[in-house]
Protein backbone atom coordinates (compact mmCIF):
# COMPACT_ATOMS: atom_id res chain seq x y z
CA MET A 1 45.84 43.62 22.44
CA LYS A 2 43.30 45.19 20.10
CA MET A 3 43.89 42.08 17.72
CA LYS A 4 43.36 39.74 20.62
CA LYS A 5 40.30 41.42 21.51
CA PHE A 6 38.92 41.34 17.75
CA PHE A 7 39.73 37.56 17.67
CA CYS A 8 38.08 37.03 20.90
CA PHE A 9 34.90 38.86 19.77
CA LEU A 10 34.94 36.81 16.39
CA LEU A 11 35.10 33.51 18.23
CA ALA A 12 32.22 34.52 20.38
CA VAL A 13 30.02 35.57 17.38
CA ILE A 14 30.85 32.12 15.69
CA CYS A 15 29.63 30.16 18.91
CA VAL A 16 26.54 31.97 19.22
CA LEU A 17 25.78 31.46 15.46
CA SER A 18 26.70 27.99 15.98
CA LEU A 19 24.37 27.54 19.02
CA ALA A 20 21.53 29.23 17.14
CA GLY A 21 21.95 26.96 14.35
CA CYS A 22 22.00 23.70 16.65
CA GLY A 23 19.60 24.60 19.10
CA SER A 24 16.48 25.03 17.17
CA ALA A 25 15.53 21.97 15.32
CA ASP A 26 12.63 23.62 14.22
CA SER A 27 14.41 25.99 11.87
CA SER A 28 14.90 23.05 9.52
CA GLU A 29 13.68 23.65 5.99
CA ILE A 30 14.12 22.33 2.43
CA SER A 31 12.88 23.62 -0.89
CA ALA A 32 12.83 21.30 -3.93
CA ALA A 33 10.82 20.67 -7.04
CA VAL A 34 8.01 18.11 -7.43
CA THR A 35 7.12 15.55 -9.92
CA ARG A 36 3.67 13.67 -10.55
CA ASP A 37 3.51 10.00 -9.48
CA THR A 38 0.74 9.16 -11.97
CA LYS A 39 -0.61 6.03 -10.52
CA TYR A 40 -0.79 7.20 -6.59
CA ASP A 41 -1.34 10.88 -7.55
CA ALA A 42 1.61 11.85 -5.29
CA ALA A 43 4.07 14.73 -5.37
CA VAL A 44 7.60 12.97 -5.58
CA VAL A 45 10.04 15.65 -4.12
CA SER A 46 13.51 15.80 -5.95
CA ILE A 47 15.54 14.89 -2.85
CA SER A 48 16.43 11.66 -1.28
CA ALA A 49 14.99 10.38 2.15
CA GLU A 50 19.10 10.72 3.24
CA GLU A 51 19.32 14.20 2.16
CA PHE A 52 16.10 15.06 3.95
CA GLU A 53 17.34 13.66 7.25
CA LYS A 54 20.38 15.34 6.72
CA ALA A 55 18.61 18.58 6.38
CA GLY A 56 17.26 18.03 9.98
CA PHE A 57 14.06 15.94 9.48
CA HIS A 58 13.49 12.76 11.03
CA LEU A 59 10.75 9.90 11.12
CA GLY A 60 7.88 11.21 13.47
CA ASP A 61 8.39 14.84 12.99
CA SER A 62 5.51 17.24 12.28
CA CYS A 63 6.13 19.59 9.06
CA GLU A 64 4.80 22.50 7.46
CA ILE A 65 4.18 22.25 3.54
CA ARG A 66 3.77 25.13 0.95
CA PHE A 67 3.78 24.65 -2.55
CA GLU A 68 4.69 27.41 -4.98
CA ASN A 69 0.96 28.00 -5.86
CA GLY A 70 0.08 28.71 -2.34
CA TYR A 71 -1.44 25.57 -1.71
CA SER A 72 -0.26 24.81 1.92
CA LEU A 73 -0.53 21.65 4.71
CA SER A 74 0.29 22.01 8.40
CA ASP A 75 1.09 19.52 10.99
CA VAL A 76 2.01 16.78 8.49
CA PRO A 77 3.59 13.69 9.82
CA TYR A 78 6.87 12.27 8.23
CA TYR A 79 6.71 8.73 8.34
CA ASN A 80 8.14 5.67 6.41
CA GLY A 81 4.79 4.49 5.43
CA TYR A 82 1.00 5.52 5.22
CA TYR A 83 0.30 5.81 9.01
CA VAL A 84 -2.55 8.07 8.59
CA LYS A 85 -6.28 7.84 7.97
CA ASN A 86 -7.74 7.86 4.32
CA GLY A 87 -7.37 11.56 2.78
CA ALA A 88 -4.97 12.69 5.71
CA PRO A 89 -1.59 14.35 4.56
CA VAL A 90 1.70 12.51 4.86
CA ILE A 91 5.33 12.92 3.92
CA VAL A 92 6.57 9.39 3.02
CA ALA A 93 9.95 7.76 2.60
CA TYR A 94 8.75 4.55 1.55
CA PRO A 95 11.21 1.50 1.70
CA GLY A 96 12.69 0.83 -1.79
CA TYR A 97 11.89 4.25 -2.98
CA THR A 98 14.81 6.81 -3.20
CA ASN A 99 13.00 9.97 -2.85
CA ILE A 100 10.47 11.27 -0.38
CA SER A 101 6.87 11.96 -1.75
CA ILE A 102 4.00 13.85 -0.31
CA THR A 103 0.16 12.94 -0.68
CA LEU A 104 -3.18 12.74 0.95
CA ASN A 105 -3.47 9.15 2.08
CA LYS A 106 -5.51 6.82 -0.55
CA SER A 107 -6.81 10.05 -2.12
CA GLY A 108 -3.71 11.69 -4.01
CA ILE A 109 -2.66 15.27 -3.54
CA TRP A 110 -1.74 16.40 -7.22
CA ASP A 111 -5.24 17.19 -8.64
CA ALA A 112 -6.46 18.50 -5.05
CA ALA A 113 -3.69 20.83 -4.87
CA LYS A 114 -3.61 21.78 -8.60
CA LEU A 115 0.02 21.01 -8.96
CA SER A 116 2.07 21.70 -12.01
CA GLU A 117 5.32 19.39 -13.01
CA ASN A 118 8.15 20.89 -11.50
CA ASP A 119 6.58 23.12 -9.20
CA SER A 120 8.65 23.72 -6.15
CA VAL A 121 7.73 22.95 -2.54
CA THR A 122 9.12 24.07 0.92
CA ILE A 123 9.02 21.80 3.59
CA ARG A 124 9.73 23.56 7.11
CA LEU A 125 10.09 21.33 10.45
CA LYS A 126 7.16 22.13 12.78
CA GLU A 127 7.73 20.09 16.12
CA ALA A 128 10.38 17.50 16.29
CA GLY A 129 9.31 14.20 17.33
CA LYS A 130 5.53 14.84 17.78
CA TYR A 131 4.79 11.82 15.89
CA SER A 132 7.54 9.28 17.07
CA ALA A 133 5.11 7.59 19.69
CA THR A 134 2.81 6.94 16.53
CA HIS A 135 5.83 5.90 14.36
CA GLU A 136 7.20 3.35 16.99
CA VAL A 137 3.81 1.75 17.21
CA LEU A 138 2.88 1.74 13.35
CA GLY A 139 6.59 2.09 11.89
CA GLN A 140 7.43 -0.93 9.77
CA GLU A 141 10.65 -1.78 8.03
CA TYR A 142 11.48 -4.81 6.12
CA SER A 143 14.16 -6.56 4.28
CA PHE A 144 14.70 -7.38 0.60
CA ASP A 145 17.04 -10.15 1.28
CA TYR A 146 15.51 -13.59 0.68
CA SER A 147 18.22 -15.14 3.45
CA ASP A 148 16.44 -13.02 6.16
CA TYR A 149 13.17 -15.01 5.83
CA ASN A 150 12.26 -18.68 6.85
CA SER A 151 10.95 -19.84 3.32
CA SER A 152 10.03 -18.67 -0.08
CA GLU A 153 6.19 -18.35 1.06
CA GLU A 154 7.08 -15.75 3.70
CA PHE A 155 9.45 -13.80 1.34
CA CYS A 156 7.00 -13.43 -1.29
CA ASN A 157 3.88 -13.21 1.01
CA PHE A 158 2.55 -16.20 -0.93
CA ARG A 159 -0.44 -17.93 0.44
CA GLU A 160 -3.77 -19.74 -0.40
CA MET A 161 -6.76 -17.59 0.45
CA ALA A 162 -9.24 -19.26 3.02
CA GLY A 163 -12.45 -18.22 4.75
CA GLY A 164 -16.14 -18.53 4.33
CA GLU A 165 -17.01 -20.81 1.43
CA LEU A 166 -13.70 -20.16 -0.64
CA LYS A 167 -12.92 -23.25 -2.54
CA LYS A 168 -9.80 -24.97 -1.25
CA GLY A 169 -6.69 -24.77 -3.52
CA PHE A 170 -8.42 -21.97 -5.84
CA LEU A 171 -7.27 -18.69 -4.85
CA PHE A 172 -3.65 -17.47 -3.95
CA ARG A 173 -2.29 -14.14 -3.18
CA GLY A 174 1.15 -12.62 -2.88
CA ALA A 175 3.87 -10.40 -4.46
CA SER A 176 4.30 -9.69 -8.01
CA PRO A 177 5.99 -12.40 -10.20
CA PHE A 178 6.71 -9.62 -12.81
CA ASP A 179 8.41 -6.69 -10.88
CA SER A 180 11.54 -7.65 -9.68
CA SER A 181 12.41 -4.45 -7.77
CA ARG A 182 11.88 -6.00 -4.48
CA GLY A 183 13.63 -9.13 -5.31
CA ARG A 184 10.81 -11.23 -5.17
CA ALA A 185 9.70 -12.09 -8.59
CA PHE A 186 12.09 -15.14 -9.35
CA TYR A 187 11.08 -16.76 -6.16
CA THR A 188 7.36 -16.04 -6.64
CA ASP A 189 7.43 -17.35 -10.39
CA ARG A 190 8.56 -20.67 -8.88
CA LEU A 191 5.64 -20.73 -6.38
CA LEU A 192 3.32 -20.11 -8.77
CA ARG A 193 4.41 -23.07 -10.84
CA ALA A 194 4.43 -25.22 -7.90
CA ALA A 195 0.87 -24.16 -7.12
CA GLY A 196 -0.15 -24.81 -10.88
CA ILE A 197 -1.54 -21.29 -10.98
CA SER A 198 -3.53 -21.07 -14.37
CA PHE A 199 -4.69 -17.47 -14.32
CA VAL A 200 -3.19 -13.91 -12.80
CA VAL A 201 -5.03 -11.02 -11.63
CA ASP A 202 -2.19 -8.36 -11.84
CA LEU A 203 -3.71 -5.36 -9.65
CA ALA A 204 -0.47 -3.01 -10.17
CA ASP A 205 0.57 -3.11 -13.71
CA SER A 206 -0.16 -1.75 -17.05
CA GLU A 207 0.76 -2.96 -20.67
CA GLU A 208 3.79 -0.58 -20.75
CA ASP A 209 4.99 -1.87 -17.33
CA MET A 210 4.88 -5.20 -18.30
CA ALA A 211 6.83 -4.80 -21.59
CA GLY A 212 9.68 -3.07 -19.35
CA TYR A 213 9.68 -6.16 -17.23
CA LEU A 214 10.06 -8.54 -19.94
CA SER A 215 12.83 -6.56 -21.60
CA GLU A 216 14.81 -6.51 -18.59
CA GLU A 217 18.08 -8.77 -18.86
CA THR A 218 17.70 -10.03 -15.46
CA PHE A 219 13.91 -10.92 -15.87
CA ASP A 220 13.62 -14.82 -14.81
CA SER A 221 9.79 -15.38 -14.26
CA PRO A 222 9.22 -17.75 -17.39
CA TYR A 223 6.06 -19.37 -15.92
CA ALA A 224 4.45 -15.89 -15.18
CA ALA A 225 5.58 -14.81 -18.65
CA GLY A 226 4.17 -17.73 -20.28
CA LEU A 227 0.66 -17.29 -18.67
CA TYR A 228 0.66 -13.53 -19.52
CA GLU A 229 1.76 -14.25 -23.20
CA SER A 230 -0.91 -16.73 -23.46
CA GLY A 231 -3.63 -14.39 -22.38
CA ARG A 232 -4.17 -15.81 -19.26
CA ALA A 233 -3.34 -12.28 -17.12
CA VAL A 234 -5.30 -9.42 -16.71
CA LEU A 235 -3.51 -6.19 -15.88
CA LEU A 236 -5.48 -3.78 -14.27
CA ASP A 237 -3.00 -0.83 -13.43
CA MET A 238 -4.61 -0.05 -10.16
CA GLY A 239 -3.99 3.06 -7.85
CA SER A 240 -4.78 3.05 -4.13
CA SER A 241 -7.87 4.73 -3.76
CA TYR A 242 -10.31 1.89 -3.03
CA PHE A 243 -13.34 4.11 -2.57
CA SER A 244 -13.02 5.73 -5.72
CA ASP A 245 -15.14 4.93 -8.73
CA ALA A 246 -12.04 4.15 -10.88
CA TYR A 247 -10.71 1.67 -8.45
CA LYS A 248 -14.27 -0.11 -8.33
CA GLU A 249 -14.47 -0.12 -11.95
CA LYS A 250 -11.17 -1.65 -12.56
CA VAL A 251 -11.75 -4.40 -9.83
CA ALA A 252 -15.11 -5.15 -11.55
CA VAL A 253 -13.09 -5.56 -14.84
CA GLY A 254 -10.56 -8.17 -13.19
CA MET A 255 -13.47 -10.03 -11.68
CA LYS A 256 -15.16 -10.38 -14.89
CA ALA A 257 -11.65 -11.64 -16.31
CA MET A 258 -11.77 -14.26 -13.80
CA LEU A 259 -15.10 -15.41 -14.79
CA GLY A 260 -13.77 -16.68 -17.94
CA ALA A 261 -10.71 -18.55 -16.36
CA SER A 262 -9.96 -21.65 -14.75
CA GLY A 263 -8.40 -21.86 -11.65
CA PRO A 264 -6.26 -21.93 -9.54
CA ILE A 265 -5.86 -18.20 -9.51
CA TYR A 266 -3.36 -15.86 -8.45
CA ILE A 267 -3.93 -12.08 -7.23
CA HIS A 268 -0.94 -9.65 -6.57
CA CYS A 269 -0.02 -5.99 -6.61
CA MET A 270 3.75 -5.47 -5.94
CA GLU A 271 4.13 -6.51 -2.19
CA GLY A 272 0.86 -8.37 -2.10
CA LYS A 273 -0.10 -6.14 0.79
CA ASP A 274 -2.70 -3.13 0.17
CA ARG A 275 -4.23 -3.52 -3.36
CA THR A 276 -4.25 -7.14 -2.91
CA GLY A 277 -5.32 -6.98 0.64
CA PHE A 278 -8.40 -5.10 -0.30
CA VAL A 279 -9.39 -7.13 -3.35
CA CYS A 280 -8.74 -10.27 -1.40
CA MET A 281 -10.90 -8.97 1.26
CA LEU A 282 -13.78 -8.24 -1.13
CA LEU A 283 -13.40 -11.96 -2.28
CA GLU A 284 -13.48 -13.18 1.31
CA ALA A 285 -16.62 -11.05 1.96
CA LEU A 286 -18.41 -12.49 -1.23
CA ALA A 287 -17.55 -15.94 0.28
CA GLY A 288 -19.18 -15.26 3.52
CA ALA A 289 -15.98 -14.76 5.63
CA SER A 290 -16.40 -13.77 8.86
CA TYR A 291 -14.55 -10.52 10.46
CA THR A 292 -12.02 -12.62 12.46
CA GLU A 293 -10.91 -14.57 9.14
CA MET A 294 -10.65 -11.74 6.91
CA CYS A 295 -8.45 -9.59 9.28
CA ALA A 296 -6.20 -12.80 10.07
CA ASP A 297 -5.77 -13.12 6.35
CA TYR A 298 -4.95 -9.51 5.86
CA MET A 299 -2.66 -9.32 8.93
CA LYS A 300 -0.59 -12.34 7.67
CA THR A 301 1.11 -10.14 5.48
CA TYR A 302 2.52 -8.00 8.48
CA GLU A 303 3.67 -11.43 10.15
CA ASN A 304 5.42 -12.55 6.91
CA TYR A 305 7.18 -9.06 6.26
CA TYR A 306 7.38 -7.48 9.70
CA SER A 307 7.26 -10.15 12.01
CA VAL A 308 4.08 -8.61 13.67
CA SER A 309 1.65 -11.01 15.28
CA GLU A 310 -1.15 -10.75 17.74
CA GLU A 311 0.77 -13.15 20.15
CA LYS A 312 4.01 -11.21 20.04
CA THR A 313 3.37 -7.79 19.09
CA PRO A 314 -0.33 -7.44 20.09
CA GLU A 315 -0.30 -3.41 20.63
CA LYS A 316 1.31 -3.01 16.84
CA TYR A 317 -1.07 -5.62 15.60
CA HIS A 318 -4.30 -4.22 16.74
CA ALA A 319 -2.94 -0.84 15.93
CA ILE A 320 -2.27 -1.71 12.32
CA ALA A 321 -5.66 -3.82 11.79
CA GLU A 322 -7.41 -0.93 13.03
CA LEU A 323 -5.73 1.59 10.83
CA TYR A 324 -5.93 -0.41 7.51
CA PHE A 325 -8.39 -3.39 7.86
CA ASP A 326 -11.00 -1.79 9.40
CA SER A 327 -10.76 1.19 7.08
CA PHE A 328 -11.22 -1.52 4.32
CA LEU A 329 -14.43 -2.74 5.87
CA GLN A 330 -15.48 0.70 6.52
CA CYS A 331 -15.49 1.60 2.84
CA LEU A 332 -17.05 -1.71 1.98
CA LEU A 333 -20.01 -1.30 4.43
CA GLU A 334 -20.10 2.61 3.65
CA THR A 335 -20.14 3.58 7.26
CA GLU A 336 -17.76 5.10 9.84
CA ASP A 337 -19.04 3.53 12.83
CA SER A 338 -16.41 0.77 13.84
CA ALA A 339 -19.01 -0.77 16.33
CA ALA A 340 -20.86 -1.97 12.96
CA LEU A 341 -18.07 -3.78 11.39
CA LYS A 342 -18.11 -7.17 13.31
CA ASP A 343 -21.93 -7.95 12.71
CA ALA A 344 -22.68 -6.83 9.05
CA ASP A 345 -23.83 -8.44 5.81
CA TYR A 346 -20.45 -8.76 4.11
CA VAL A 347 -21.67 -10.71 1.51
CA GLN A 348 -24.34 -8.22 0.27
CA ALA A 349 -21.78 -5.34 0.84
CA ALA A 350 -19.04 -7.14 -1.52
CA ALA A 351 -21.92 -7.67 -4.10
CA ASP A 352 -22.95 -3.80 -3.89
CA TYR A 353 -19.49 -2.67 -4.17
CA LEU A 354 -18.98 -4.95 -7.54
CA ILE A 355 -22.29 -3.78 -8.79
CA ALA A 356 -21.13 -0.10 -8.23
CA GLY A 357 -18.09 -0.97 -10.23
CA GLY A 358 -20.05 -2.05 -13.40
CA MET A 359 -21.03 -5.92 -12.57
CA THR A 360 -24.43 -7.00 -13.06
CA PRO A 361 -26.25 -8.59 -10.12
CA ASP A 362 -26.16 -11.89 -11.93
CA GLU A 363 -22.46 -11.58 -12.43
CA THR A 364 -21.80 -11.11 -8.82
CA GLU A 365 -23.68 -14.30 -8.15
CA GLN A 366 -21.78 -16.24 -10.79
CA LEU A 367 -18.59 -14.85 -9.09
CA ARG A 368 -19.78 -16.07 -5.75
CA ASP A 369 -20.56 -19.35 -7.29
CA PHE A 370 -17.22 -19.33 -9.24
CA ILE A 371 -14.92 -18.73 -6.00
CA THR A 372 -17.15 -20.74 -3.41
CA ASP A 373 -18.36 -24.21 -2.41
CA ARG A 374 -21.63 -23.38 -1.25
CA THR A 375 -23.01 -26.40 0.21
CA SER A 376 -23.51 -24.78 3.55
CA PHE A 377 -25.48 -22.12 2.06
CA GLY A 378 -28.59 -24.38 1.37
CA GLU A 379 -30.25 -24.58 -1.90
CA GLU A 380 -31.54 -21.23 -2.34
CA ALA A 381 -28.37 -18.85 -3.13
CA ALA A 382 -29.22 -15.18 -2.11
CA GLN A 383 -29.99 -12.96 -4.98
CA PHE A 384 -28.26 -9.73 -5.39
């Protein structure tokens, strides 16, 4: 009888402990080491997104973060993309990457937090599902499978740029023809050949990156490789902080290199989305494009990759445009007033951005002439 009571008591204790562990999702916590992503100044956590979710974290949750040096962040959303304002903290499980990372969007966290390689970080669940509604609206997932797309152009996010006085058939944008990690390089290379691209502005890669791509046994982009090997590509190795001096300087280097080239010209990063999106907006602004033209070109990426359109998914479309594209323009115009974005002097703002990066006023004028048919501007061109 005593033994039976003991087992009953033991069973009760086990049940109570089990309920305690399952009933409070907010108790989820993990600790791991971080390493530096040098290009984006992010802290890459040494656990996969799958392991993170097994530990009790889910997309849309709010988390608390504490690094071993004492630097801490509270109420940080966990998303599969950078669905926060510039400078805001976020934990990201980005498609195509194994591990989660922590950063301050478009600013980087490593230097701000004064982190060291292999420092530890503890992440604790603060509030389950707090940002699930935001993730529902802004959350994106897309396929790396060619068969899931309607065309090579859609799969590679490949298109001609248009707007303002841009020359027809002169500037193109899209995914990388070199980086095959998303399965797009092979198809992009064929599109470059078909378009007769004669110069490439590679925003993403360094010489070291390029050497790695060319040495891969599976590398199959002969046309793009030929452009690079013949000196008809500029590698800018850019991060994502488009408001930083370093970013402006690299953009200016790329634009100066373009001035010595002949068209058609192709501009890309890895996916042809954010870095490409900003630089293409900058060129469209310099060419006199309208807000509507620039925004439509930027959002075409979301239609290609995620089937997001103003007609089919208006809430998602406008939320994305406001978060990303409007932030681009706010940077370019140096304003936080969203009401001032649609009636601004984009041409002058684009020139000012390039001058801040190291171009001369004459060079910005030459660039404007280079990318446009300026017949509708009259005989007198604006002087910067």
